[in-house]
Structures are given as structure tokens and as C-alpha cells.
N, C-alpha and C. Protein backbone atom coordinates (compact mmCIF):
# COMPACT_ATOMS: atom_id res chain seq x y z
N UNK A 1 -43.55 -179.69 31.51
CA UNK A 1 -43.34 -178.37 32.11
C UNK A 1 -44.58 -177.52 31.88
N UNK A 2 -45.11 -176.98 32.94
CA UNK A 2 -46.29 -176.13 32.80
C UNK A 2 -45.86 -174.68 32.63
N UNK A 3 -46.61 -173.96 31.82
CA UNK A 3 -46.30 -172.55 31.58
C UNK A 3 -47.18 -171.64 32.40
N UNK A 4 -46.83 -170.41 32.37
CA UNK A 4 -47.61 -169.39 33.05
C UNK A 4 -48.39 -168.64 31.99
N UNK A 5 -49.69 -168.58 32.15
CA UNK A 5 -50.55 -167.86 31.23
C UNK A 5 -51.04 -166.61 31.93
N UNK A 6 -50.75 -165.46 31.33
CA UNK A 6 -51.15 -164.20 31.93
C UNK A 6 -52.06 -163.46 30.95
N UNK A 7 -53.18 -163.01 31.46
CA UNK A 7 -54.08 -162.20 30.66
C UNK A 7 -53.94 -160.76 31.15
N UNK A 8 -53.33 -159.92 30.32
CA UNK A 8 -53.05 -158.54 30.72
C UNK A 8 -54.33 -157.78 31.03
N UNK A 9 -55.36 -158.01 30.23
CA UNK A 9 -56.62 -157.30 30.44
C UNK A 9 -57.25 -157.67 31.78
N UNK A 10 -57.13 -158.92 32.18
CA UNK A 10 -57.67 -159.34 33.47
C UNK A 10 -56.96 -158.63 34.61
N UNK A 11 -55.65 -158.51 34.50
CA UNK A 11 -54.89 -157.81 35.54
C UNK A 11 -55.27 -156.34 35.56
N UNK A 12 -55.39 -155.73 34.40
CA UNK A 12 -55.78 -154.32 34.34
C UNK A 12 -57.20 -154.12 34.87
N UNK A 13 -58.09 -155.06 34.56
CA UNK A 13 -59.45 -154.97 35.09
C UNK A 13 -59.46 -155.08 36.62
N UNK A 14 -58.62 -155.95 37.14
CA UNK A 14 -58.52 -156.10 38.60
C UNK A 14 -58.06 -154.79 39.23
N UNK A 15 -57.09 -154.15 38.61
CA UNK A 15 -56.60 -152.87 39.11
C UNK A 15 -57.72 -151.84 39.13
N UNK A 16 -58.47 -151.79 38.06
CA UNK A 16 -59.60 -150.86 37.96
C UNK A 16 -60.65 -151.16 39.02
N UNK A 17 -60.93 -152.44 39.23
CA UNK A 17 -61.92 -152.83 40.24
C UNK A 17 -61.46 -152.44 41.64
N UNK A 18 -60.17 -152.57 41.92
CA UNK A 18 -59.65 -152.17 43.23
C UNK A 18 -59.84 -150.67 43.42
N UNK A 19 -59.54 -149.89 42.39
CA UNK A 19 -59.71 -148.43 42.49
C UNK A 19 -61.18 -148.05 42.67
N UNK A 20 -62.07 -148.72 41.93
CA UNK A 20 -63.49 -148.44 42.06
C UNK A 20 -64.00 -148.82 43.46
N UNK A 21 -63.53 -149.93 43.97
CA UNK A 21 -63.92 -150.35 45.31
C UNK A 21 -63.43 -149.35 46.35
N UNK A 22 -62.20 -148.88 46.18
CA UNK A 22 -61.66 -147.88 47.11
C UNK A 22 -62.51 -146.62 47.08
N UNK A 23 -62.95 -146.21 45.90
CA UNK A 23 -63.79 -145.01 45.79
C UNK A 23 -65.15 -145.23 46.46
N UNK A 24 -65.73 -146.41 46.28
CA UNK A 24 -67.02 -146.71 46.93
C UNK A 24 -66.87 -146.72 48.44
N UNK A 25 -65.80 -147.33 48.93
CA UNK A 25 -65.56 -147.35 50.38
C UNK A 25 -65.42 -145.94 50.91
N UNK A 26 -64.64 -145.11 50.21
CA UNK A 26 -64.44 -143.74 50.67
C UNK A 26 -65.75 -142.97 50.69
N UNK A 27 -66.57 -143.17 49.67
CA UNK A 27 -67.87 -142.51 49.62
C UNK A 27 -68.76 -142.94 50.79
N UNK A 28 -68.77 -144.22 51.09
CA UNK A 28 -69.56 -144.71 52.21
C UNK A 28 -69.04 -144.18 53.54
N UNK A 29 -67.72 -144.12 53.68
CA UNK A 29 -67.15 -143.58 54.91
C UNK A 29 -67.47 -142.09 55.06
N UNK A 30 -67.42 -141.36 53.94
CA UNK A 30 -67.76 -139.94 53.99
C UNK A 30 -69.22 -139.74 54.41
N UNK A 31 -70.12 -140.57 53.85
CA UNK A 31 -71.54 -140.48 54.21
C UNK A 31 -71.74 -140.79 55.69
N UNK A 32 -71.08 -141.84 56.15
CA UNK A 32 -71.18 -142.24 57.56
C UNK A 32 -70.68 -141.12 58.47
N UNK A 33 -69.54 -140.56 58.12
CA UNK A 33 -68.95 -139.50 58.94
C UNK A 33 -69.88 -138.28 58.99
N UNK A 34 -70.47 -137.93 57.86
CA UNK A 34 -71.38 -136.78 57.83
C UNK A 34 -72.58 -137.02 58.74
N UNK A 35 -73.11 -138.23 58.72
CA UNK A 35 -74.24 -138.56 59.59
C UNK A 35 -73.88 -138.49 61.06
N UNK A 36 -72.73 -139.04 61.40
CA UNK A 36 -72.30 -139.03 62.80
C UNK A 36 -72.00 -137.61 63.25
N UNK A 37 -71.41 -136.80 62.37
CA UNK A 37 -71.09 -135.43 62.74
C UNK A 37 -72.35 -134.60 63.01
N UNK A 38 -73.43 -134.90 62.30
CA UNK A 38 -74.69 -134.20 62.57
C UNK A 38 -75.14 -134.45 64.02
N UNK A 39 -74.97 -135.68 64.46
CA UNK A 39 -75.34 -136.03 65.83
C UNK A 39 -74.32 -135.46 66.82
N UNK A 40 -73.05 -135.63 66.50
CA UNK A 40 -71.98 -135.22 67.43
C UNK A 40 -71.88 -133.71 67.58
N UNK A 41 -72.42 -132.96 66.64
CA UNK A 41 -72.32 -131.50 66.73
C UNK A 41 -73.04 -130.95 67.96
N UNK A 42 -73.96 -131.72 68.50
CA UNK A 42 -74.68 -131.26 69.70
C UNK A 42 -73.98 -131.66 71.00
N UNK A 43 -72.96 -132.48 70.89
CA UNK A 43 -72.26 -132.92 72.08
C UNK A 43 -71.32 -131.83 72.58
N UNK A 44 -71.07 -131.86 73.88
CA UNK A 44 -70.19 -130.87 74.50
C UNK A 44 -69.21 -131.55 75.44
N UNK A 45 -68.18 -130.84 75.81
CA UNK A 45 -67.24 -131.29 76.81
C UNK A 45 -66.54 -132.59 76.46
N UNK A 46 -66.53 -133.50 77.44
CA UNK A 46 -65.80 -134.76 77.30
C UNK A 46 -66.36 -135.61 76.16
N UNK A 47 -67.68 -135.55 75.96
CA UNK A 47 -68.28 -136.33 74.87
C UNK A 47 -67.76 -135.84 73.52
N UNK A 48 -67.70 -134.53 73.36
CA UNK A 48 -67.20 -133.96 72.10
C UNK A 48 -65.72 -134.28 71.92
N UNK A 49 -64.94 -134.14 72.97
CA UNK A 49 -63.51 -134.44 72.88
C UNK A 49 -63.26 -135.91 72.59
N UNK A 50 -64.03 -136.77 73.25
CA UNK A 50 -63.88 -138.20 73.03
C UNK A 50 -64.23 -138.58 71.59
N UNK A 51 -65.31 -137.98 71.08
CA UNK A 51 -65.70 -138.23 69.70
C UNK A 51 -64.60 -137.78 68.75
N UNK A 52 -64.10 -136.58 68.94
CA UNK A 52 -63.07 -136.05 68.04
C UNK A 52 -61.82 -136.93 68.05
N UNK A 53 -61.44 -137.42 69.22
CA UNK A 53 -60.26 -138.28 69.31
C UNK A 53 -60.49 -139.59 68.55
N UNK A 54 -61.65 -140.19 68.75
CA UNK A 54 -61.96 -141.46 68.07
C UNK A 54 -62.13 -141.24 66.57
N UNK A 55 -62.73 -140.12 66.19
CA UNK A 55 -62.90 -139.84 64.77
C UNK A 55 -61.55 -139.65 64.09
N UNK A 56 -60.62 -139.02 64.79
CA UNK A 56 -59.28 -138.84 64.22
C UNK A 56 -58.60 -140.19 64.02
N UNK A 57 -58.77 -141.10 64.98
CA UNK A 57 -58.21 -142.45 64.83
C UNK A 57 -58.86 -143.17 63.65
N UNK A 58 -60.17 -143.07 63.57
CA UNK A 58 -60.92 -143.70 62.48
C UNK A 58 -60.45 -143.15 61.13
N UNK A 59 -60.31 -141.82 61.05
CA UNK A 59 -59.88 -141.19 59.80
C UNK A 59 -58.49 -141.66 59.40
N UNK A 60 -57.61 -141.81 60.37
CA UNK A 60 -56.26 -142.28 60.07
C UNK A 60 -56.28 -143.71 59.54
N UNK A 61 -57.08 -144.56 60.15
CA UNK A 61 -57.17 -145.96 59.69
C UNK A 61 -57.82 -146.03 58.31
N UNK A 62 -58.82 -145.19 58.07
CA UNK A 62 -59.46 -145.16 56.75
C UNK A 62 -58.46 -144.68 55.69
N UNK A 63 -57.63 -143.72 56.03
CA UNK A 63 -56.59 -143.25 55.10
C UNK A 63 -55.58 -144.36 54.83
N UNK A 64 -55.24 -145.11 55.87
CA UNK A 64 -54.34 -146.26 55.68
C UNK A 64 -54.93 -147.27 54.71
N UNK A 65 -56.22 -147.55 54.87
CA UNK A 65 -56.90 -148.48 53.97
C UNK A 65 -56.85 -147.99 52.53
N UNK A 66 -57.14 -146.71 52.34
CA UNK A 66 -57.09 -146.15 50.98
C UNK A 66 -55.68 -146.23 50.39
N UNK A 67 -54.68 -146.00 51.22
CA UNK A 67 -53.30 -146.10 50.75
C UNK A 67 -52.97 -147.53 50.32
N UNK A 68 -53.37 -148.50 51.12
CA UNK A 68 -53.11 -149.90 50.80
C UNK A 68 -53.81 -150.29 49.50
N UNK A 69 -55.06 -149.89 49.36
CA UNK A 69 -55.79 -150.20 48.13
C UNK A 69 -55.12 -149.54 46.92
N UNK A 70 -54.65 -148.34 47.10
CA UNK A 70 -53.92 -147.66 46.02
C UNK A 70 -52.65 -148.41 45.65
N UNK A 71 -51.95 -148.90 46.65
CA UNK A 71 -50.72 -149.66 46.38
C UNK A 71 -51.03 -150.97 45.65
N UNK A 72 -52.11 -151.62 46.04
CA UNK A 72 -52.51 -152.86 45.37
C UNK A 72 -52.81 -152.58 43.90
N UNK A 73 -53.58 -151.53 43.64
CA UNK A 73 -53.92 -151.18 42.26
C UNK A 73 -52.67 -150.86 41.46
N UNK A 74 -51.76 -150.12 42.05
CA UNK A 74 -50.51 -149.78 41.36
C UNK A 74 -49.67 -151.03 41.09
N UNK A 75 -49.62 -151.94 42.05
CA UNK A 75 -48.87 -153.19 41.86
C UNK A 75 -49.47 -154.00 40.72
N UNK A 76 -50.79 -154.03 40.64
CA UNK A 76 -51.45 -154.74 39.54
C UNK A 76 -51.12 -154.07 38.20
N UNK A 77 -51.17 -152.75 38.17
CA UNK A 77 -50.80 -152.02 36.94
C UNK A 77 -49.37 -152.35 36.53
N UNK A 78 -48.46 -152.32 37.51
CA UNK A 78 -47.05 -152.60 37.22
C UNK A 78 -46.86 -154.03 36.73
N UNK A 79 -47.57 -154.96 37.32
CA UNK A 79 -47.47 -156.35 36.90
C UNK A 79 -47.95 -156.52 35.46
N UNK A 80 -49.09 -155.92 35.14
CA UNK A 80 -49.61 -156.02 33.77
C UNK A 80 -48.63 -155.41 32.78
N UNK A 81 -48.08 -154.27 33.13
CA UNK A 81 -47.11 -153.60 32.25
C UNK A 81 -45.85 -154.45 32.08
N UNK A 82 -45.37 -155.01 33.16
CA UNK A 82 -44.17 -155.83 33.11
C UNK A 82 -44.39 -157.07 32.24
N UNK A 83 -45.50 -157.75 32.44
CA UNK A 83 -45.81 -158.93 31.63
C UNK A 83 -45.93 -158.54 30.15
N UNK A 84 -46.57 -157.41 29.89
CA UNK A 84 -46.74 -156.96 28.50
C UNK A 84 -45.39 -156.65 27.87
N UNK A 85 -44.52 -155.98 28.59
CA UNK A 85 -43.18 -155.66 28.08
C UNK A 85 -42.38 -156.93 27.81
N UNK A 86 -42.51 -157.89 28.71
CA UNK A 86 -41.80 -159.16 28.52
C UNK A 86 -42.32 -159.87 27.29
N UNK A 87 -43.61 -159.88 27.12
CA UNK A 87 -44.17 -160.53 25.93
C UNK A 87 -43.72 -159.81 24.66
N UNK A 88 -43.73 -158.48 24.69
CA UNK A 88 -43.27 -157.72 23.52
C UNK A 88 -41.81 -158.02 23.21
N UNK A 89 -40.98 -158.12 24.24
CA UNK A 89 -39.56 -158.45 24.04
C UNK A 89 -39.41 -159.85 23.46
N UNK A 90 -40.18 -160.79 23.96
CA UNK A 90 -40.11 -162.16 23.45
C UNK A 90 -40.57 -162.23 22.00
N UNK A 91 -41.60 -161.47 21.64
CA UNK A 91 -42.06 -161.45 20.25
C UNK A 91 -41.00 -160.84 19.34
N UNK A 92 -40.30 -159.82 19.84
CA UNK A 92 -39.28 -159.16 19.04
C UNK A 92 -38.12 -160.10 18.70
N UNK A 93 -37.89 -161.08 19.54
CA UNK A 93 -36.82 -162.05 19.27
C UNK A 93 -37.08 -162.78 17.97
N UNK A 94 -38.33 -163.04 17.67
CA UNK A 94 -38.69 -163.84 16.50
C UNK A 94 -38.95 -163.01 15.26
N UNK A 95 -38.89 -161.73 15.37
CA UNK A 95 -39.12 -160.86 14.20
C UNK A 95 -37.83 -160.45 13.54
């Protein structure tokens, strides 16, 4: 019978890495948006409206990505905590 080996620190590190990656992505998206807005600020009429509509769609998808990454990080945190609690309970049986 094979056992399951869980390293709590590895799971917690993964959660931290997901959060850091989400922050880097958001920073890059913010920089990109600022650059595009500098160009788009000179547009008028249909071009400006079209840009605003597409930017709103892009912003919504970027927010969805950030939400998913946040959920992944939270799930990893919860998993690490659950495994740790289970191990603590199992140790308490023998004390």
C-alpha cells in the first residue's frame, strides 16, 4: 500500500507563488493599459468608443483571471491547513 506524502511548506510556497504571479500579471496589465491609453486618448468618435468597449471587455477578463488565481491560492492554503490539522489530529492519537 502506498501512502500519500504531503509537504505543507511546499503547498504554502505554491500558494505564495500563485499570489506573486497574479500581482506580476496585474502590474504588467496595468502598464500595458497605461501605454495604450496614452495612444487612445487622441482617438475620437467611433475609434474611441470601440477602444473603450474592447478595453472594458479586456478589463473584465483580466479581473476574472485575478479572481481565478486568488481562488487557486486560497484552495492551496486550505489544503495545506487541512493536511496540517489532520496530521496534528493523528499525532494527538498517540500522545
